[in-house]
C-alpha atoms as a PDB file:
ATOM      1  CA  UNK A   1      24.610 -91.717 108.675  1.00  0.00           C
ATOM      2  CA  UNK A   2      21.431 -93.321 107.352  1.00  0.00           C
ATOM      3  CA  UNK A   3      19.374 -90.456 108.748  1.00  0.00           C
ATOM      4  CA  UNK A   4      21.531 -87.922 106.886  1.00  0.00           C
ATOM      5  CA  UNK A   5      21.109 -89.824 103.625  1.00  0.00           C
ATOM      6  CA  UNK A   6      17.337 -89.957 104.080  1.00  0.00           C
ATOM      7  CA  UNK A   7      17.282 -86.234 104.848  1.00  0.00           C
ATOM      8  CA  UNK A   8      19.271 -85.440 101.714  1.00  0.00           C
ATOM      9  CA  UNK A   9      16.943 -87.590  99.639  1.00  0.00           C
ATOM     10  CA  UNK A  10      13.886 -85.897 101.109  1.00  0.00           C
ATOM     11  CA  UNK A  11      15.332 -82.454 100.390  1.00  0.00           C
ATOM     12  CA  UNK A  12      16.153 -83.498  96.819  1.00  0.00           C
ATOM     13  CA  UNK A  13      12.620 -84.871  96.425  1.00  0.00           C
ATOM     14  CA  UNK A  14      11.065 -81.640  97.691  1.00  0.00           C
ATOM     15  CA  UNK A  15      13.259 -79.553  95.376  1.00  0.00           C
ATOM     16  CA  UNK A  16      12.354 -81.810  92.467  1.00  0.00           C
ATOM     17  CA  UNK A  17       8.607 -81.505  93.190  1.00  0.00           C
ATOM     18  CA  UNK A  18       8.866 -77.720  93.503  1.00  0.00           C
ATOM     19  CA  UNK A  19      10.792 -77.416  90.248  1.00  0.00           C
ATOM     20  CA  UNK A  20       8.345 -79.715  88.476  1.00  0.00           C
ATOM     21  CA  UNK A  21       5.447 -77.594  89.740  1.00  0.00           C
ATOM     22  CA  UNK A  22       7.125 -74.403  88.589  1.00  0.00           C
ATOM     23  CA  UNK A  23       7.792 -75.844  85.146  1.00  0.00           C
ATOM     24  CA  UNK A  24       4.213 -77.050  84.882  1.00  0.00           C
ATOM     25  CA  UNK A  25       2.896 -73.644  85.932  1.00  0.00           C
ATOM     26  CA  UNK A  26       5.161 -71.871  83.447  1.00  0.00           C
ATOM     27  CA  UNK A  27       4.059 -74.243  80.686  1.00  0.00           C
ATOM     28  CA  UNK A  28       0.399 -73.619  81.533  1.00  0.00           C
ATOM     29  CA  UNK A  29       0.915 -69.846  81.422  1.00  0.00           C
ATOM     30  CA  UNK A  30       2.712 -70.138  78.115  1.00  0.00           C
ATOM     31  CA  UNK A  31      -0.128 -72.247  76.726  1.00  0.00           C
ATOM     32  CA  UNK A  32      -2.691 -69.697  77.904  1.00  0.00           C
ATOM     33  CA  UNK A  33      -0.695 -66.980  76.160  1.00  0.00           C
ATOM     34  CA  UNK A  34      -0.435 -68.964  72.934  1.00  0.00           C
ATOM     35  CA  UNK A  35      -4.164 -69.758  73.005  1.00  0.00           C
ATOM     36  CA  UNK A  36      -5.074 -66.103  73.566  1.00  0.00           C
ATOM     37  CA  UNK A  37      -2.656 -65.049  70.831  1.00  0.00           C
ATOM     38  CA  UNK A  38      -4.146 -67.533  68.375  1.00  0.00           C
ATOM     39  CA  UNK A  39      -7.679 -66.342  69.187  1.00  0.00           C
ATOM     40  CA  UNK A  40      -6.703 -62.718  68.638  1.00  0.00           C
ATOM     41  CA  UNK A  41      -4.954 -63.572  65.379  1.00  0.00           C
ATOM     42  CA  UNK A  42      -8.076 -65.374  64.143  1.00  0.00           C
ATOM     43  CA  UNK A  43     -10.255 -62.297  64.699  1.00  0.00           C
ATOM     44  CA  UNK A  44      -7.666 -59.929  63.245  1.00  0.00           C
ATOM     45  CA  UNK A  45      -7.341 -62.020  60.091  1.00  0.00           C
ATOM     46  CA  UNK A  46     -11.124 -62.144  59.758  1.00  0.00           C
ATOM     47  CA  UNK A  47     -11.263 -58.361  60.047  1.00  0.00           C
ATOM     48  CA  UNK A  48      -8.449 -57.889  57.535  1.00  0.00           C
ATOM     49  CA  UNK A  49     -10.240 -60.002  54.960  1.00  0.00           C
ATOM     50  CA  UNK A  50     -13.305 -57.778  55.237  1.00  0.00           C
ATOM     51  CA  UNK A  51     -11.451 -54.478  55.199  1.00  0.00           C
ATOM     52  CA  UNK A  52      -9.533 -55.287  52.029  1.00  0.00           C
ATOM     53  CA  UNK A  53     -12.325 -57.030  50.134  1.00  0.00           C
ATOM     54  CA  UNK A  54     -15.254 -54.695  50.747  1.00  0.00           C
ATOM     55  CA  UNK A  55     -15.502 -51.531  48.676  1.00  0.00           C
ATOM     56  CA  UNK A  56     -17.521 -48.698  50.179  1.00  0.00           C
ATOM     57  CA  UNK A  57     -16.439 -45.929  47.801  1.00  0.00           C
ATOM     58  CA  UNK A  58     -19.965 -45.550  46.441  1.00  0.00           C
ATOM     59  CA  UNK A  59     -21.443 -44.635  49.817  1.00  0.00           C
ATOM     60  CA  UNK A  60     -20.005 -42.027  52.237  1.00  0.00           C
ATOM     61  CA  UNK A  61     -21.301 -43.804  55.343  1.00  0.00           C
ATOM     62  CA  UNK A  62     -19.891 -47.162  54.217  1.00  0.00           C
ATOM     63  CA  UNK A  63     -16.600 -45.530  53.266  1.00  0.00           C
ATOM     64  CA  UNK A  64     -16.307 -43.942  56.716  1.00  0.00           C
ATOM     65  CA  UNK A  65     -17.220 -47.188  58.494  1.00  0.00           C
ATOM     66  CA  UNK A  66     -14.588 -49.088  56.513  1.00  0.00           C
ATOM     67  CA  UNK A  67     -12.017 -46.420  57.333  1.00  0.00           C
ATOM     68  CA  UNK A  68     -12.782 -46.911  61.023  1.00  0.00           C
ATOM     69  CA  UNK A  69     -12.604 -50.687  60.549  1.00  0.00           C
ATOM     70  CA  UNK A  70      -9.188 -50.277  58.943  1.00  0.00           C
ATOM     71  CA  UNK A  71      -8.037 -48.192  61.888  1.00  0.00           C
ATOM     72  CA  UNK A  72      -9.113 -50.957  64.287  1.00  0.00           C
ATOM     73  CA  UNK A  73      -7.365 -53.547  62.124  1.00  0.00           C
ATOM     74  CA  UNK A  74      -4.064 -51.687  62.361  1.00  0.00           C
ATOM     75  CA  UNK A  75      -4.499 -51.060  66.082  1.00  0.00           C
ATOM     76  CA  UNK A  76      -5.330 -54.696  66.822  1.00  0.00           C
ATOM     77  CA  UNK A  77      -2.276 -55.896  64.901  1.00  0.00           C
ATOM     78  CA  UNK A  78      -0.043 -53.510  66.825  1.00  0.00           C
ATOM     79  CA  UNK A  79      -1.558 -54.576  70.142  1.00  0.00           C
ATOM     80  CA  UNK A  80      -0.987 -58.234  69.340  1.00  0.00           C
ATOM     81  CA  UNK A  81       2.608 -57.633  68.285  1.00  0.00           C
ATOM     82  CA  UNK A  82       3.318 -56.062  71.674  1.00  0.00           C
ATOM     83  CA  UNK A  83       1.208 -58.458  73.758  1.00  0.00           C
ATOM     84  CA  UNK A  84       3.072 -60.378  76.432  1.00  0.00           C
ATOM     85  CA  UNK A  85       0.124 -61.587  78.511  1.00  0.00           C
ATOM     86  CA  UNK A  86      -3.230 -63.256  77.745  1.00  0.00           C
ATOM     87  CA  UNK A  87      -5.015 -60.091  78.909  1.00  0.00           C
ATOM     88  CA  UNK A  88      -3.130 -58.006  76.347  1.00  0.00           C
ATOM     89  CA  UNK A  89      -4.026 -60.521  73.648  1.00  0.00           C
ATOM     90  CA  UNK A  90      -7.668 -60.305  74.658  1.00  0.00           C
ATOM     91  CA  UNK A  91      -7.478 -56.523  74.262  1.00  0.00           C
ATOM     92  CA  UNK A  92      -6.327 -57.064  70.654  1.00  0.00           C
ATOM     93  CA  UNK A  93      -9.248 -59.464  70.171  1.00  0.00           C
ATOM     94  CA  UNK A  94     -11.670 -56.838  71.482  1.00  0.00           C
ATOM     95  CA  UNK A  95     -10.251 -54.231  69.108  1.00  0.00           C
ATOM     96  CA  UNK A  96     -10.617 -56.581  66.139  1.00  0.00           C
ATOM     97  CA  UNK A  97     -14.213 -57.375  67.116  1.00  0.00           C
ATOM     98  CA  UNK A  98     -14.955 -53.669  67.268  1.00  0.00           C
ATOM     99  CA  UNK A  99     -13.552 -53.377  63.752  1.00  0.00           C
ATOM    100  CA  UNK A 100     -15.928 -56.097  62.593  1.00  0.00           C
ATOM    101  CA  UNK A 101     -18.847 -54.085  63.974  1.00  0.00           C
ATOM    102  CA  UNK A 102     -17.740 -51.288  61.662  1.00  0.00           C
ATOM    103  CA  UNK A 103     -17.671 -53.776  58.788  1.00  0.00           C
ATOM    104  CA  UNK A 104     -21.245 -54.810  59.602  1.00  0.00           C
ATOM    105  CA  UNK A 105     -22.183 -51.128  59.603  1.00  0.00           C
ATOM    106  CA  UNK A 106     -20.569 -50.642  56.188  1.00  0.00           C
ATOM    107  CA  UNK A 107     -22.426 -53.627  54.762  1.00  0.00           C
ATOM    108  CA  UNK A 108     -25.687 -52.256  56.169  1.00  0.00           C
ATOM    109  CA  UNK A 109     -25.013 -48.867  54.573  1.00  0.00           C
ATOM    110  CA  UNK A 110     -24.434 -50.618  51.242  1.00  0.00           C
ATOM    111  CA  UNK A 111     -27.721 -52.494  51.520  1.00  0.00           C
ATOM    112  CA  UNK A 112     -25.976 -55.845  52.011  1.00  0.00           C
ATOM    113  CA  UNK A 113     -26.592 -58.588  54.540  1.00  0.00           C
ATOM    114  CA  UNK A 114     -24.557 -57.453  57.581  1.00  0.00           C
ATOM    115  CA  UNK A 115     -23.264 -60.967  58.129  1.00  0.00           C
ATOM    116  CA  UNK A 116     -23.204 -63.138  61.253  1.00  0.00           C
ATOM    117  CA  UNK A 117     -23.830 -61.728  64.704  1.00  0.00           C
ATOM    118  CA  UNK A 118     -20.798 -60.796  66.768  1.00  0.00           C
ATOM    119  CA  UNK A 119     -20.082 -61.170  70.489  1.00  0.00           C
ATOM    120  CA  UNK A 120     -21.056 -58.181  72.602  1.00  0.00           C
ATOM    121  CA  UNK A 121     -18.314 -55.638  73.113  1.00  0.00           C
ATOM    122  CA  UNK A 122     -17.267 -54.528  76.561  1.00  0.00           C
ATOM    123  CA  UNK A 123     -19.679 -51.855  77.776  1.00  0.00           C
ATOM    124  CA  UNK A 124     -21.919 -52.146  74.710  1.00  0.00           C
ATOM    125  CA  UNK A 125     -25.047 -53.250  76.562  1.00  0.00           C
ATOM    126  CA  UNK A 126     -24.454 -50.620  79.213  1.00  0.00           C
ATOM    127  CA  UNK A 127     -24.337 -47.870  76.578  1.00  0.00           C
ATOM    128  CA  UNK A 128     -27.610 -48.737  74.824  1.00  0.00           C
ATOM    129  CA  UNK A 129     -28.418 -47.712  71.273  1.00  0.00           C
ATOM    130  CA  UNK A 130     -29.963 -44.894  69.295  1.00  0.00           C
ATOM    131  CA  UNK A 131     -33.537 -45.844  68.382  1.00  0.00           C
ATOM    132  CA  UNK A 132     -34.901 -42.655  66.847  1.00  0.00           C
ATOM    133  CA  UNK A 133     -33.739 -39.732  64.745  1.00  0.00           C
ATOM    134  CA  UNK A 134     -32.571 -36.736  66.717  1.00  0.00           C
ATOM    135  CA  UNK A 135     -31.354 -33.338  65.559  1.00  0.00           C
ATOM    136  CA  UNK A 136     -30.220 -30.814  68.144  1.00  0.00           C
ATOM    137  CA  UNK A 137     -28.380 -27.518  68.267  1.00  0.00           C
ATOM    138  CA  UNK A 138     -25.935 -27.033  71.108  1.00  0.00           C
ATOM    139  CA  UNK A 139     -24.111 -23.721  71.414  1.00  0.00           C
ATOM    140  CA  UNK A 140     -24.921 -22.887  67.804  1.00  0.00           C
ATOM    141  CA  UNK A 141     -23.622 -26.195  66.408  1.00  0.00           C
ATOM    142  CA  UNK A 142     -25.945 -28.801  64.842  1.00  0.00           C
ATOM    143  CA  UNK A 143     -25.693 -32.491  65.673  1.00  0.00           C
ATOM    144  CA  UNK A 144     -27.702 -35.465  64.496  1.00  0.00           C
ATOM    145  CA  UNK A 145     -28.100 -39.059  65.634  1.00  0.00           C
ATOM    146  CA  UNK A 146     -29.981 -41.881  63.948  1.00  0.00           C
ATOM    147  CA  UNK A 147     -30.353 -45.659  64.135  1.00  0.00           C
ATOM    148  CA  UNK A 148     -29.627 -45.728  60.384  1.00  0.00           C
ATOM    149  CA  UNK A 149     -26.849 -44.466  58.137  1.00  0.00           C
ATOM    150  CA  UNK A 150     -27.652 -41.434  56.037  1.00  0.00           C
ATOM    151  CA  UNK A 151     -26.206 -38.463  54.223  1.00  0.00           C
ATOM    152  CA  UNK A 152     -26.304 -36.453  57.473  1.00  0.00           C
ATOM    153  CA  UNK A 153     -25.250 -39.315  59.751  1.00  0.00           C
ATOM    154  CA  UNK A 154     -22.242 -41.050  58.163  1.00  0.00           C
ATOM    155  CA  UNK A 155     -20.315 -41.752  61.381  1.00  0.00           C
ATOM    156  CA  UNK A 156     -21.012 -45.054  63.126  1.00  0.00           C
ATOM    157  CA  UNK A 157     -20.149 -46.101  66.649  1.00  0.00           C
ATOM    158  CA  UNK A 158     -20.817 -49.675  67.856  1.00  0.00           C
ATOM    159  CA  UNK A 159     -21.571 -48.577  71.402  1.00  0.00           C
ATOM    160  CA  UNK A 160     -19.448 -48.702  74.519  1.00  0.00           C
ATOM    161  CA  UNK A 161     -18.098 -46.809  77.488  1.00  0.00           C
ATOM    162  CA  UNK A 162     -15.482 -44.110  76.812  1.00  0.00           C
ATOM    163  CA  UNK A 163     -13.725 -42.408  79.710  1.00  0.00           C
ATOM    164  CA  UNK A 164     -16.403 -43.704  82.049  1.00  0.00           C
ATOM    165  CA  UNK A 165     -19.402 -42.451  80.004  1.00  0.00           C
ATOM    166  CA  UNK A 166     -21.692 -44.458  77.709  1.00  0.00           C
ATOM    167  CA  UNK A 167     -21.790 -43.686  73.997  1.00  0.00           C
ATOM    168  CA  UNK A 168     -24.806 -45.447  72.434  1.00  0.00           C
ATOM    169  CA  UNK A 169     -24.598 -47.567  69.319  1.00  0.00           C
ATOM    170  CA  UNK A 170     -25.794 -45.593  66.337  1.00  0.00           C
ATOM    171  CA  UNK A 171     -25.013 -43.268  63.452  1.00  0.00           C
ATOM    172  CA  UNK A 172     -23.989 -39.659  64.035  1.00  0.00           C
ATOM    173  CA  UNK A 173     -23.360 -36.493  62.062  1.00  0.00           C
ATOM    174  CA  UNK A 174     -19.817 -36.368  63.451  1.00  0.00           C
ATOM    175  CA  UNK A 175     -17.637 -38.411  65.814  1.00  0.00           C
ATOM    176  CA  UNK A 176     -18.107 -36.199  68.879  1.00  0.00           C
ATOM    177  CA  UNK A 177     -16.719 -38.950  71.143  1.00  0.00           C
ATOM    178  CA  UNK A 178     -13.255 -39.044  69.547  1.00  0.00           C
ATOM    179  CA  UNK A 179     -11.584 -36.374  71.720  1.00  0.00           C
ATOM    180  CA  UNK A 180     -12.473 -38.413  74.830  1.00  0.00           C
ATOM    181  CA  UNK A 181     -11.380 -41.619  73.110  1.00  0.00           C
ATOM    182  CA  UNK A 182      -7.980 -40.096  72.396  1.00  0.00           C
ATOM    183  CA  UNK A 183      -7.528 -37.927  75.483  1.00  0.00           C
ATOM    184  CA  UNK A 184      -9.299 -40.110  78.047  1.00  0.00           C
ATOM    185  CA  UNK A 185     -11.497 -37.287  79.397  1.00  0.00           C
ATOM    186  CA  UNK A 186     -14.703 -35.472  78.466  1.00  0.00           C
ATOM    187  CA  UNK A 187     -15.205 -31.745  78.205  1.00  0.00           C
ATOM    188  CA  UNK A 188     -18.194 -30.215  79.954  1.00  0.00           C
ATOM    189  CA  UNK A 189     -19.779 -29.551  76.553  1.00  0.00           C
ATOM    190  CA  UNK A 190     -20.172 -33.306  76.057  1.00  0.00           C
ATOM    191  CA  UNK A 191     -22.614 -33.455  78.963  1.00  0.00           C
ATOM    192  CA  UNK A 192     -24.750 -30.763  77.338  1.00  0.00           C
ATOM    193  CA  UNK A 193     -24.686 -32.594  74.012  1.00  0.00           C
ATOM    194  CA  UNK A 194     -25.473 -36.007  75.519  1.00  0.00           C
ATOM    195  CA  UNK A 195     -28.409 -34.565  77.424  1.00  0.00           C
ATOM    196  CA  UNK A 196     -29.775 -32.923  74.286  1.00  0.00           C
ATOM    197  CA  UNK A 197     -29.234 -35.958  72.028  1.00  0.00           C
ATOM    198  CA  UNK A 198     -30.362 -38.784  74.295  1.00  0.00           C
ATOM    199  CA  UNK A 199     -32.679 -37.370  76.949  1.00  0.00           C
ATOM    200  CA  UNK A 200     -36.005 -39.242  76.828  1.00  0.00           C
ATOM    201  CA  UNK A 201     -34.621 -41.986  74.568  1.00  0.00           C
ATOM    202  CA  UNK A 202     -35.616 -45.011  76.639  1.00  0.00           C
ATOM    203  CA  UNK A 203     -33.020 -47.305  75.091  1.00  0.00           C
ATOM    204  CA  UNK A 204     -30.180 -45.067  76.308  1.00  0.00           C
ATOM    205  CA  UNK A 205     -29.313 -45.106  80.037  1.00  0.00           C
ATOM    206  CA  UNK A 206     -28.568 -41.493  80.987  1.00  0.00           C
ATOM    207  CA  UNK A 207     -27.209 -42.241  84.461  1.00  0.00           C
ATOM    208  CA  UNK A 208     -23.617 -42.280  83.275  1.00  0.00           C
ATOM    209  CA  UNK A 209     -23.996 -38.709  82.010  1.00  0.00           C
ATOM    210  CA  UNK A 210     -26.268 -37.277  84.703  1.00  0.00           C
ATOM    211  CA  UNK A 211     -23.921 -38.437  87.449  1.00  0.00           C
ATOM    212  CA  UNK A 212     -20.995 -36.661  85.819  1.00  0.00           C
ATOM    213  CA  UNK A 213     -22.615 -33.365  84.888  1.00  0.00           C
ATOM    214  CA  UNK A 214     -22.009 -31.660  88.227  1.00  0.00           C
ATOM    215  CA  UNK A 215     -18.426 -32.884  88.204  1.00  0.00           C
ATOM    216  CA  UNK A 216     -17.852 -31.529  84.703  1.00  0.00           C
ATOM    217  CA  UNK A 217     -19.491 -28.230  85.597  1.00  0.00           C
ATOM    218  CA  UNK A 218     -17.318 -27.894  88.689  1.00  0.00           C
ATOM    219  CA  UNK A 219     -14.173 -28.625  86.692  1.00  0.00           C
ATOM    220  CA  UNK A 220     -15.142 -26.028  84.106  1.00  0.00           C
ATOM    221  CA  UNK A 221     -15.678 -23.410  86.812  1.00  0.00           C
ATOM    222  CA  UNK A 222     -12.294 -24.187  88.295  1.00  0.00           C
ATOM    223  CA  UNK A 223     -10.568 -23.995  84.919  1.00  0.00           C
ATOM    224  CA  UNK A 224     -12.218 -20.655  84.157  1.00  0.00           C
ATOM    225  CA  UNK A 225     -11.156 -19.051  87.441  1.00  0.00           C
ATOM    226  CA  UNK A 226     -14.343 -19.926  89.333  1.00  0.00           C
ATOM    227  CA  UNK A 227     -16.671 -18.086  86.960  1.00  0.00           C
ATOM    228  CA  UNK A 228     -20.106 -19.429  86.183  1.00  0.00           C
ATOM    229  CA  UNK A 229     -21.627 -19.792  82.774  1.00  0.00           C
ATOM    230  CA  UNK A 230     -23.275 -16.408  83.149  1.00  0.00           C
ATOM    231  CA  UNK A 231     -19.855 -14.702  83.102  1.00  0.00           C
ATOM    232  CA  UNK A 232     -18.682 -16.232  79.832  1.00  0.00           C
ATOM    233  CA  UNK A 233     -20.397 -13.738  77.597  1.00  0.00           C
ATOM    234  CA  UNK A 234     -18.406 -10.861  79.017  1.00  0.00           C
ATOM    235  CA  UNK A 235     -15.081 -12.204  77.855  1.00  0.00           C
ATOM    236  CA  UNK A 236     -12.490 -11.485  80.545  1.00  0.00           C
ATOM    237  CA  UNK A 237     -10.962 -14.699  81.885  1.00  0.00           C
ATOM    238  CA  UNK A 238     -13.120 -16.771  79.585  1.00  0.00           C
ATOM    239  CA  UNK A 239     -11.488 -15.057  76.641  1.00  0.00           C
ATOM    240  CA  UNK A 240     -12.669 -14.463  73.106  1.00  0.00           C
ATOM    241  CA  UNK A 241     -16.112 -13.190  72.311  1.00  0.00           C
ATOM    242  CA  UNK A 242     -17.866 -15.158  75.010  1.00  0.00           C
ATOM    243  CA  UNK A 243     -19.529 -18.524  74.904  1.00  0.00           C
ATOM    244  CA  UNK A 244     -18.101 -21.788  73.644  1.00  0.00           C
ATOM    245  CA  UNK A 245     -17.928 -23.080  70.133  1.00  0.00           C
ATOM    246  CA  UNK A 246     -19.166 -26.620  70.672  1.00  0.00           C
ATOM    247  CA  UNK A 247     -17.507 -27.633  67.414  1.00  0.00           C
ATOM    248  CA  UNK A 248     -14.147 -26.716  68.932  1.00  0.00           C
ATOM    249  CA  UNK A 249     -14.934 -28.595  72.121  1.00  0.00           C
ATOM    250  CA  UNK A 250     -15.531 -31.813  70.232  1.00  0.00           C
ATOM    251  CA  UNK A 251     -12.953 -31.373  67.510  1.00  0.00           C
ATOM    252  CA  UNK A 252     -15.683 -29.738  65.408  1.00  0.00           C
ATOM    253  CA  UNK A 253     -15.169 -29.991  61.754  1.00  0.00           C
ATOM    254  CA  UNK A 254     -17.046 -31.826  59.159  1.00  0.00           C
ATOM    255  CA  UNK A 255     -15.841 -35.287  60.108  1.00  0.00           C
ATOM    256  CA  UNK A 256     -13.853 -35.768  56.928  1.00  0.00           C
ATOM    257  CA  UNK A 257     -13.822 -39.338  55.713  1.00  0.00           C
ATOM    258  CA  UNK A 258     -10.706 -41.416  55.749  1.00  0.00           C
ATOM    259  CA  UNK A 259      -9.953 -43.098  52.481  1.00  0.00           C
ATOM    260  CA  UNK A 260      -8.426 -46.557  52.740  1.00  0.00           C
ATOM    261  CA  UNK A 261      -8.025 -46.639  49.007  1.00  0.00           C
ATOM    262  CA  UNK A 262      -8.295 -49.844  47.041  1.00  0.00           C
ATOM    263  CA  UNK A 263     -10.963 -52.349  47.763  1.00  0.00           C
ATOM    264  CA  UNK A 264     -12.793 -54.359  45.239  1.00  0.00           C
ATOM    265  CA  UNK A 265     -15.968 -56.367  45.306  1.00  0.00           C
ATOM    266  CA  UNK A 266     -16.806 -58.363  48.372  1.00  0.00           C
ATOM    267  CA  UNK A 267     -16.365 -61.989  47.655  1.00  0.00           C
ATOM    268  CA  UNK A 268     -18.719 -64.452  49.202  1.00  0.00           C
ATOM    269  CA  UNK A 269     -20.071 -64.829  52.708  1.00  0.00           C
ATOM    270  CA  UNK A 270     -17.888 -64.209  55.721  1.00  0.00           C
END
């Protein structure tokens, strides 16, 4: 009888220890989630203050950078609202930090102090940065890249890896990376453009593009019925009048600015 009582007590003790451990683990996970959520919220609020208090209407490059910052602000807020894990909260934090890079770019374009340094973004160091002015023509379409904002280079990118390929930090004539950012894949024309824009620029690692060129070329041949580039001009399966319009490949266009509206003078240091 005594042995049975001891056994019951031992079983109850084991169950109690297991339940206590599970509760402690659940509480720790919940705390990690709350901490990550609070960190993301802090960065998102910091970004929101900049987006709504800085007016870039007087400068096209600043206006475009603030539009991109506003886009990241909205995206980060949506990501945080849907986040159920610390990793998802950290993704919202990363998006907000990216938005703050656009704010720094806008301040630079306006001739203001860019503000405090920010943590490195994921893939930013791997992508490198534009260190010299470049102007190239690819398939009849002109593109420019510069380390500085200008009338011909109003589109900023903070640097990072998109769909497995590095896009260097810098200012560009148009956001040629956006189709890959949205669709998750690059067209073969992007390899031609990257080679023309960044080849020989020592601050930009070209390995991420060189390694993928053959793959992109092969995919293009497959999509066009196995024809090489030399067959494009004849029309046929390639269609049209031959050749590619690189503007169409990348979304083309003139990179119209997005107007956030409103604004006002920037108040104080951030």
